[in-house]
Amino acid sequence: MKNISKKEWGDFHGSIDFNDAFELIGGKSEEEIFSLIMKSPFLVAECLCFTNEVPYKNLLVIFSRFISRYHDSYEDIHIIVDVFFREVYGNIISKNRILDDIIGEISSTFSFIVKNQERLGADIDIYGSYQVKYNEIKHAL
């Protein structure tokens, strides 16, 4: 993934949150963002709320790659798994086309999550059943 410039991030209109999100992950390499996720997964995940389309999609791809690489070694993988799953699920179920150009790259991670929810530490009692949500997507399409 390429580093996102401040111009690509978009106009902040004085938003402290957008500016803080850019300061945290804007212009960072994928490896640098992986390191930030390891230290503070909630903080990096929150950045999805304060981006425009380009960094939003880039961050989802980075989350997908992070899950693929660290699913067996990162203790808090369930945090990123749930954020990633909810974002992809929400966009698909609402028929939002924002993910069209990255869906091929992230779909294998999405399927892996559905099949391995328990292994990934995403407790069904807390996060709900990813399989049920996946079935909702299949019926909605």
N, C-alpha and C. Protein backbone atom coordinates (compact mmCIF):
# COMPACT_ATOMS: atom_id res chain seq x y z
N MET A 1 0.85 -1.18 0.00
CA MET A 1 0.00 0.00 0.00
C MET A 1 0.89 1.23 0.00
N LYS A 2 0.48 2.19 -0.73
CA LYS A 2 1.26 3.42 -0.77
C LYS A 2 0.94 4.29 0.44
N ASN A 3 1.89 5.11 0.78
CA ASN A 3 1.67 6.06 1.87
C ASN A 3 0.66 7.11 1.40
N ILE A 4 -0.21 7.54 2.29
CA ILE A 4 -1.25 8.52 1.95
C ILE A 4 -0.77 9.91 2.33
N SER A 5 -0.79 10.80 1.35
CA SER A 5 -0.38 12.18 1.61
C SER A 5 -1.52 12.95 2.26
N LYS A 6 -1.19 14.10 2.80
CA LYS A 6 -2.20 14.94 3.44
C LYS A 6 -3.25 15.38 2.41
N LYS A 7 -2.82 15.64 1.18
CA LYS A 7 -3.76 16.04 0.12
C LYS A 7 -4.75 14.91 -0.16
N GLU A 8 -4.25 13.67 -0.27
CA GLU A 8 -5.13 12.53 -0.52
C GLU A 8 -6.07 12.26 0.66
N TRP A 9 -5.59 12.57 1.86
CA TRP A 9 -6.40 12.34 3.06
C TRP A 9 -7.65 13.19 3.00
N GLY A 10 -7.51 14.38 2.47
CA GLY A 10 -8.67 15.25 2.30
C GLY A 10 -8.61 16.49 3.17
N ASP A 11 -9.57 17.34 2.93
CA ASP A 11 -9.68 18.61 3.65
C ASP A 11 -10.27 18.35 5.03
N PHE A 12 -9.56 18.78 6.04
CA PHE A 12 -9.99 18.53 7.41
C PHE A 12 -11.06 19.49 7.91
N HIS A 13 -11.22 20.64 7.25
CA HIS A 13 -12.19 21.66 7.67
C HIS A 13 -12.06 21.96 9.16
N GLY A 14 -10.84 22.00 9.63
CA GLY A 14 -10.59 22.32 11.03
C GLY A 14 -10.89 21.19 12.00
N SER A 15 -11.16 20.00 11.52
CA SER A 15 -11.49 18.88 12.40
C SER A 15 -10.24 18.36 13.11
N ILE A 16 -10.27 18.43 14.40
CA ILE A 16 -9.17 17.91 15.20
C ILE A 16 -9.05 16.40 15.02
N ASP A 17 -10.18 15.70 14.95
CA ASP A 17 -10.17 14.24 14.81
C ASP A 17 -9.53 13.80 13.49
N PHE A 18 -9.89 14.47 12.38
CA PHE A 18 -9.30 14.13 11.09
C PHE A 18 -7.80 14.40 11.12
N ASN A 19 -7.43 15.52 11.71
CA ASN A 19 -6.02 15.88 11.79
C ASN A 19 -5.26 14.88 12.66
N ASP A 20 -5.83 14.50 13.79
CA ASP A 20 -5.18 13.53 14.67
C ASP A 20 -5.01 12.18 13.98
N ALA A 21 -6.04 11.75 13.24
CA ALA A 21 -5.95 10.48 12.51
C ALA A 21 -4.83 10.54 11.47
N PHE A 22 -4.75 11.66 10.76
CA PHE A 22 -3.68 11.80 9.77
C PHE A 22 -2.32 11.79 10.45
N GLU A 23 -2.21 12.51 11.55
CA GLU A 23 -0.93 12.56 12.27
C GLU A 23 -0.50 11.17 12.74
N LEU A 24 -1.47 10.33 13.09
CA LEU A 24 -1.15 9.00 13.57
C LEU A 24 -0.71 8.07 12.44
N ILE A 25 -1.46 8.02 11.34
CA ILE A 25 -1.17 7.03 10.30
C ILE A 25 -0.89 7.60 8.91
N GLY A 26 -1.20 8.85 8.68
CA GLY A 26 -0.96 9.45 7.37
C GLY A 26 0.52 9.47 7.03
N GLY A 27 0.85 9.12 5.81
CA GLY A 27 2.24 9.13 5.38
C GLY A 27 3.07 7.98 5.92
N LYS A 28 2.45 7.07 6.67
CA LYS A 28 3.18 5.95 7.27
C LYS A 28 3.18 4.76 6.31
N SER A 29 4.23 3.96 6.38
CA SER A 29 4.29 2.75 5.58
C SER A 29 3.40 1.68 6.22
N GLU A 30 3.14 0.63 5.47
CA GLU A 30 2.35 -0.48 5.98
C GLU A 30 3.00 -1.08 7.23
N GLU A 31 4.29 -1.26 7.21
CA GLU A 31 5.00 -1.83 8.37
C GLU A 31 4.89 -0.91 9.58
N GLU A 32 4.95 0.38 9.36
CA GLU A 32 4.80 1.33 10.47
C GLU A 32 3.39 1.25 11.05
N ILE A 33 2.40 1.10 10.19
CA ILE A 33 1.02 0.97 10.67
C ILE A 33 0.83 -0.36 11.39
N PHE A 34 1.45 -1.43 10.91
CA PHE A 34 1.40 -2.70 11.63
C PHE A 34 1.92 -2.51 13.06
N SER A 35 3.02 -1.81 13.18
CA SER A 35 3.61 -1.56 14.50
C SER A 35 2.65 -0.76 15.39
N LEU A 36 2.00 0.23 14.81
CA LEU A 36 1.02 1.03 15.56
C LEU A 36 -0.17 0.18 16.00
N ILE A 37 -0.62 -0.72 15.14
CA ILE A 37 -1.73 -1.61 15.49
C ILE A 37 -1.32 -2.47 16.69
N MET A 38 -0.10 -2.99 16.66
CA MET A 38 0.38 -3.83 17.77
C MET A 38 0.34 -3.07 19.10
N LYS A 39 0.67 -1.80 19.04
CA LYS A 39 0.73 -0.99 20.27
C LYS A 39 -0.64 -0.48 20.70
N SER A 40 -1.47 -0.10 19.74
CA SER A 40 -2.74 0.54 20.08
C SER A 40 -3.80 0.26 19.02
N PRO A 41 -4.35 -0.96 19.02
CA PRO A 41 -5.30 -1.33 17.95
C PRO A 41 -6.55 -0.46 17.91
N PHE A 42 -7.07 -0.06 19.06
CA PHE A 42 -8.28 0.77 19.07
C PHE A 42 -8.02 2.14 18.46
N LEU A 43 -6.87 2.71 18.75
CA LEU A 43 -6.54 4.03 18.23
C LEU A 43 -6.43 4.01 16.71
N VAL A 44 -5.77 2.98 16.18
CA VAL A 44 -5.65 2.87 14.72
C VAL A 44 -7.01 2.58 14.10
N ALA A 45 -7.79 1.70 14.72
CA ALA A 45 -9.11 1.37 14.19
C ALA A 45 -10.01 2.60 14.14
N GLU A 46 -9.88 3.46 15.13
CA GLU A 46 -10.70 4.68 15.17
C GLU A 46 -10.42 5.59 13.98
N CYS A 47 -9.24 5.47 13.41
CA CYS A 47 -8.88 6.31 12.26
C CYS A 47 -9.83 6.08 11.08
N LEU A 48 -10.44 4.89 11.00
CA LEU A 48 -11.40 4.63 9.91
C LEU A 48 -12.55 5.63 9.93
N CYS A 49 -12.87 6.16 11.09
CA CYS A 49 -13.98 7.12 11.22
C CYS A 49 -13.61 8.50 10.69
N PHE A 50 -12.32 8.75 10.54
CA PHE A 50 -11.86 10.09 10.21
C PHE A 50 -10.97 10.09 8.97
N THR A 51 -11.49 9.49 7.91
CA THR A 51 -10.77 9.43 6.65
C THR A 51 -11.76 9.66 5.50
N ASN A 52 -11.20 9.93 4.35
CA ASN A 52 -12.05 9.92 3.16
C ASN A 52 -11.85 8.57 2.48
N GLU A 53 -12.33 8.42 1.27
CA GLU A 53 -12.36 7.11 0.61
C GLU A 53 -10.99 6.47 0.40
N VAL A 54 -10.00 7.23 -0.04
CA VAL A 54 -8.69 6.65 -0.36
C VAL A 54 -8.02 6.07 0.89
N PRO A 55 -7.83 6.84 1.95
CA PRO A 55 -7.19 6.24 3.12
C PRO A 55 -8.06 5.18 3.80
N TYR A 56 -9.37 5.31 3.72
CA TYR A 56 -10.27 4.32 4.30
C TYR A 56 -10.02 2.95 3.66
N LYS A 57 -10.01 2.92 2.33
CA LYS A 57 -9.77 1.65 1.62
C LYS A 57 -8.36 1.14 1.87
N ASN A 58 -7.39 2.02 1.87
CA ASN A 58 -6.01 1.60 2.14
C ASN A 58 -5.90 0.98 3.53
N LEU A 59 -6.56 1.58 4.50
CA LEU A 59 -6.49 1.07 5.87
C LEU A 59 -7.18 -0.29 5.98
N LEU A 60 -8.28 -0.49 5.27
CA LEU A 60 -8.93 -1.81 5.28
C LEU A 60 -8.02 -2.88 4.66
N VAL A 61 -7.32 -2.53 3.60
CA VAL A 61 -6.38 -3.48 3.00
C VAL A 61 -5.25 -3.78 3.99
N ILE A 62 -4.77 -2.77 4.67
CA ILE A 62 -3.72 -2.97 5.68
C ILE A 62 -4.24 -3.87 6.80
N PHE A 63 -5.47 -3.65 7.25
CA PHE A 63 -6.05 -4.52 8.28
C PHE A 63 -6.13 -5.96 7.77
N SER A 64 -6.53 -6.13 6.52
CA SER A 64 -6.61 -7.47 5.92
C SER A 64 -5.25 -8.14 5.93
N ARG A 65 -4.24 -7.43 5.53
CA ARG A 65 -2.88 -7.97 5.51
C ARG A 65 -2.36 -8.25 6.92
N PHE A 66 -2.70 -7.37 7.86
CA PHE A 66 -2.30 -7.57 9.25
C PHE A 66 -2.91 -8.86 9.80
N ILE A 67 -4.20 -9.06 9.55
CA ILE A 67 -4.89 -10.27 10.00
C ILE A 67 -4.24 -11.51 9.37
N SER A 68 -3.95 -11.45 8.09
CA SER A 68 -3.33 -12.58 7.40
C SER A 68 -1.96 -12.91 7.98
N ARG A 69 -1.21 -11.89 8.32
CA ARG A 69 0.15 -12.10 8.81
C ARG A 69 0.20 -12.49 10.29
N TYR A 70 -0.64 -11.87 11.10
CA TYR A 70 -0.49 -12.00 12.55
C TYR A 70 -1.63 -12.76 13.24
N HIS A 71 -2.50 -13.44 12.50
CA HIS A 71 -3.66 -14.07 13.12
C HIS A 71 -3.29 -15.11 14.18
N ASP A 72 -2.14 -15.71 14.08
CA ASP A 72 -1.75 -16.71 15.09
C ASP A 72 -0.79 -16.17 16.14
N SER A 73 -0.30 -14.96 15.98
CA SER A 73 0.74 -14.50 16.90
C SER A 73 0.39 -13.23 17.68
N TYR A 74 -0.64 -12.50 17.27
CA TYR A 74 -0.98 -11.26 17.95
C TYR A 74 -2.14 -11.51 18.91
N GLU A 75 -1.89 -11.30 20.18
CA GLU A 75 -2.85 -11.64 21.23
C GLU A 75 -4.21 -10.94 21.07
N ASP A 76 -4.20 -9.70 20.63
CA ASP A 76 -5.44 -8.93 20.51
C ASP A 76 -5.98 -8.88 19.08
N ILE A 77 -5.71 -9.92 18.30
CA ILE A 77 -6.14 -9.95 16.90
C ILE A 77 -7.65 -9.77 16.77
N HIS A 78 -8.41 -10.22 17.77
CA HIS A 78 -9.87 -10.12 17.72
C HIS A 78 -10.35 -8.68 17.57
N ILE A 79 -9.58 -7.72 18.05
CA ILE A 79 -9.97 -6.31 17.93
C ILE A 79 -9.97 -5.90 16.46
N ILE A 80 -8.88 -6.15 15.77
CA ILE A 80 -8.77 -5.78 14.36
C ILE A 80 -9.69 -6.65 13.51
N VAL A 81 -9.83 -7.92 13.87
CA VAL A 81 -10.74 -8.81 13.16
C VAL A 81 -12.15 -8.24 13.20
N ASP A 82 -12.61 -7.84 14.36
CA ASP A 82 -13.98 -7.34 14.47
C ASP A 82 -14.17 -6.02 13.74
N VAL A 83 -13.22 -5.12 13.86
CA VAL A 83 -13.33 -3.84 13.14
C VAL A 83 -13.38 -4.09 11.64
N PHE A 84 -12.46 -4.90 11.15
CA PHE A 84 -12.41 -5.22 9.72
C PHE A 84 -13.72 -5.86 9.27
N PHE A 85 -14.16 -6.88 10.02
CA PHE A 85 -15.38 -7.58 9.64
C PHE A 85 -16.58 -6.63 9.61
N ARG A 86 -16.74 -5.81 10.65
CA ARG A 86 -17.90 -4.90 10.71
C ARG A 86 -17.88 -3.89 9.57
N GLU A 87 -16.71 -3.38 9.22
CA GLU A 87 -16.61 -2.41 8.13
C GLU A 87 -16.98 -3.03 6.79
N VAL A 88 -16.41 -4.20 6.51
CA VAL A 88 -16.70 -4.87 5.24
C VAL A 88 -18.16 -5.28 5.20
N TYR A 89 -18.64 -5.92 6.25
CA TYR A 89 -20.04 -6.35 6.34
C TYR A 89 -20.98 -5.15 6.15
N GLY A 90 -20.74 -4.07 6.86
CA GLY A 90 -21.60 -2.90 6.77
C GLY A 90 -21.67 -2.31 5.38
N ASN A 91 -20.53 -2.25 4.71
CA ASN A 91 -20.50 -1.72 3.35
C ASN A 91 -21.23 -2.63 2.37
N ILE A 92 -21.07 -3.93 2.52
CA ILE A 92 -21.73 -4.86 1.60
C ILE A 92 -23.23 -4.90 1.84
N ILE A 93 -23.64 -5.01 3.10
CA ILE A 93 -25.07 -5.15 3.41
C ILE A 93 -25.84 -3.88 3.04
N SER A 94 -25.18 -2.72 3.11
CA SER A 94 -25.84 -1.46 2.75
C SER A 94 -25.71 -1.15 1.25
N LYS A 95 -25.09 -2.10 0.53
CA LYS A 95 -24.89 -1.98 -0.92
C LYS A 95 -24.06 -0.75 -1.30
N ASN A 96 -23.18 -0.36 -0.38
CA ASN A 96 -22.23 0.72 -0.64
C ASN A 96 -21.15 0.16 -1.55
N ARG A 97 -20.87 0.83 -2.62
CA ARG A 97 -19.93 0.32 -3.64
C ARG A 97 -18.47 0.76 -3.39
N ILE A 98 -18.19 1.33 -2.24
CA ILE A 98 -16.86 1.87 -1.95
C ILE A 98 -15.76 0.81 -2.00
N LEU A 99 -16.10 -0.44 -1.73
CA LEU A 99 -15.09 -1.49 -1.66
C LEU A 99 -14.88 -2.23 -2.98
N ASP A 100 -15.60 -1.85 -4.01
CA ASP A 100 -15.56 -2.60 -5.27
C ASP A 100 -14.14 -2.85 -5.79
N ASP A 101 -13.27 -1.84 -5.72
CA ASP A 101 -11.93 -2.01 -6.29
C ASP A 101 -10.94 -2.71 -5.35
N ILE A 102 -11.34 -3.00 -4.10
CA ILE A 102 -10.45 -3.73 -3.20
C ILE A 102 -11.03 -5.06 -2.74
N ILE A 103 -12.27 -5.35 -3.10
CA ILE A 103 -12.94 -6.54 -2.58
C ILE A 103 -12.17 -7.82 -2.95
N GLY A 104 -11.58 -7.86 -4.14
CA GLY A 104 -10.80 -9.02 -4.53
C GLY A 104 -9.61 -9.25 -3.61
N GLU A 105 -9.02 -8.17 -3.14
CA GLU A 105 -7.85 -8.27 -2.27
C GLU A 105 -8.20 -8.63 -0.83
N ILE A 106 -9.38 -8.25 -0.38
CA ILE A 106 -9.73 -8.47 1.02
C ILE A 106 -10.70 -9.62 1.25
N SER A 107 -11.26 -10.17 0.18
CA SER A 107 -12.30 -11.20 0.34
C SER A 107 -11.79 -12.48 0.99
N SER A 108 -10.54 -12.86 0.71
CA SER A 108 -10.02 -14.09 1.33
C SER A 108 -9.88 -13.91 2.85
N THR A 109 -9.50 -12.73 3.29
CA THR A 109 -9.41 -12.47 4.74
C THR A 109 -10.80 -12.50 5.35
N PHE A 110 -11.77 -11.92 4.67
CA PHE A 110 -13.15 -11.92 5.16
C PHE A 110 -13.65 -13.35 5.32
N SER A 111 -13.43 -14.19 4.33
CA SER A 111 -13.84 -15.60 4.40
C SER A 111 -13.10 -16.34 5.50
N PHE A 112 -11.81 -16.06 5.65
CA PHE A 112 -11.01 -16.68 6.70
C PHE A 112 -11.59 -16.34 8.08
N ILE A 113 -11.99 -15.11 8.28
CA ILE A 113 -12.57 -14.68 9.56
C ILE A 113 -13.87 -15.43 9.84
N VAL A 114 -14.72 -15.54 8.81
CA VAL A 114 -15.99 -16.24 8.98
C VAL A 114 -15.75 -17.68 9.42
N LYS A 115 -14.78 -18.34 8.80
CA LYS A 115 -14.51 -19.75 9.09
C LYS A 115 -13.74 -19.97 10.39
N ASN A 116 -13.09 -18.93 10.90
CA ASN A 116 -12.18 -19.09 12.04
C ASN A 116 -12.48 -18.14 13.19
N GLN A 117 -13.73 -17.76 13.36
CA GLN A 117 -14.09 -16.79 14.38
C GLN A 117 -13.57 -17.18 15.77
N GLU A 118 -13.82 -18.40 16.17
CA GLU A 118 -13.40 -18.84 17.51
C GLU A 118 -11.88 -18.85 17.63
N ARG A 119 -11.21 -19.37 16.63
CA ARG A 119 -9.74 -19.41 16.62
C ARG A 119 -9.13 -18.02 16.74
N LEU A 120 -9.81 -17.02 16.19
CA LEU A 120 -9.33 -15.64 16.21
C LEU A 120 -9.69 -14.91 17.50
N GLY A 121 -10.37 -15.57 18.40
CA GLY A 121 -10.69 -14.97 19.69
C GLY A 121 -11.86 -14.00 19.66
N ALA A 122 -12.65 -14.03 18.59
CA ALA A 122 -13.81 -13.14 18.47
C ALA A 122 -15.03 -13.88 19.02
N ASP A 123 -15.18 -13.85 20.32
CA ASP A 123 -16.22 -14.57 21.04
C ASP A 123 -17.61 -14.27 20.47
N ILE A 124 -18.33 -15.31 20.10
CA ILE A 124 -19.68 -15.15 19.52
C ILE A 124 -20.61 -14.43 20.48
N ASP A 125 -20.47 -14.67 21.78
CA ASP A 125 -21.33 -14.00 22.77
C ASP A 125 -21.07 -12.50 22.82
N ILE A 126 -19.90 -12.07 22.44
CA ILE A 126 -19.55 -10.64 22.44
C ILE A 126 -19.78 -10.02 21.07
N TYR A 127 -19.27 -10.68 20.03
CA TYR A 127 -19.27 -10.11 18.69
C TYR A 127 -20.41 -10.57 17.80
N GLY A 128 -21.17 -11.55 18.24
CA GLY A 128 -22.19 -12.13 17.38
C GLY A 128 -21.55 -13.12 16.43
N SER A 129 -22.38 -13.85 15.71
CA SER A 129 -21.90 -14.87 14.79
C SER A 129 -21.55 -14.26 13.44
N TYR A 130 -20.28 -14.36 13.07
CA TYR A 130 -19.87 -13.89 11.75
C TYR A 130 -20.50 -14.75 10.65
N GLN A 131 -20.72 -16.02 10.93
CA GLN A 131 -21.34 -16.90 9.93
C GLN A 131 -22.76 -16.45 9.63
N VAL A 132 -23.52 -16.09 10.66
CA VAL A 132 -24.89 -15.59 10.46
C VAL A 132 -24.87 -14.32 9.63
N LYS A 133 -23.94 -13.41 9.93
CA LYS A 133 -23.85 -12.16 9.17
C LYS A 133 -23.42 -12.42 7.73
N TYR A 134 -22.52 -13.38 7.56
CA TYR A 134 -22.09 -13.76 6.22
C TYR A 134 -23.29 -14.31 5.41
N ASN A 135 -24.10 -15.11 6.06
CA ASN A 135 -25.31 -15.63 5.39
C ASN A 135 -26.26 -14.51 5.03
N GLU A 136 -26.37 -13.48 5.86
CA GLU A 136 -27.21 -12.31 5.54
C GLU A 136 -26.70 -11.64 4.24
N ILE A 137 -25.39 -11.56 4.12
CA ILE A 137 -24.81 -10.96 2.92
C ILE A 137 -25.19 -11.79 1.69
N LYS A 138 -25.03 -13.09 1.79
CA LYS A 138 -25.35 -13.97 0.64
C LYS A 138 -26.80 -13.81 0.22
N HIS A 139 -27.70 -13.66 1.19
CA HIS A 139 -29.12 -13.50 0.88
C HIS A 139 -29.44 -12.11 0.34
N ALA A 140 -28.66 -11.13 0.74
CA ALA A 140 -28.89 -9.75 0.29
C ALA A 140 -28.40 -9.53 -1.14
N LEU A 141 -27.46 -10.35 -1.58
CA LEU A 141 -26.90 -10.14 -2.93
C LEU A 141 -27.72 -10.77 -4.02
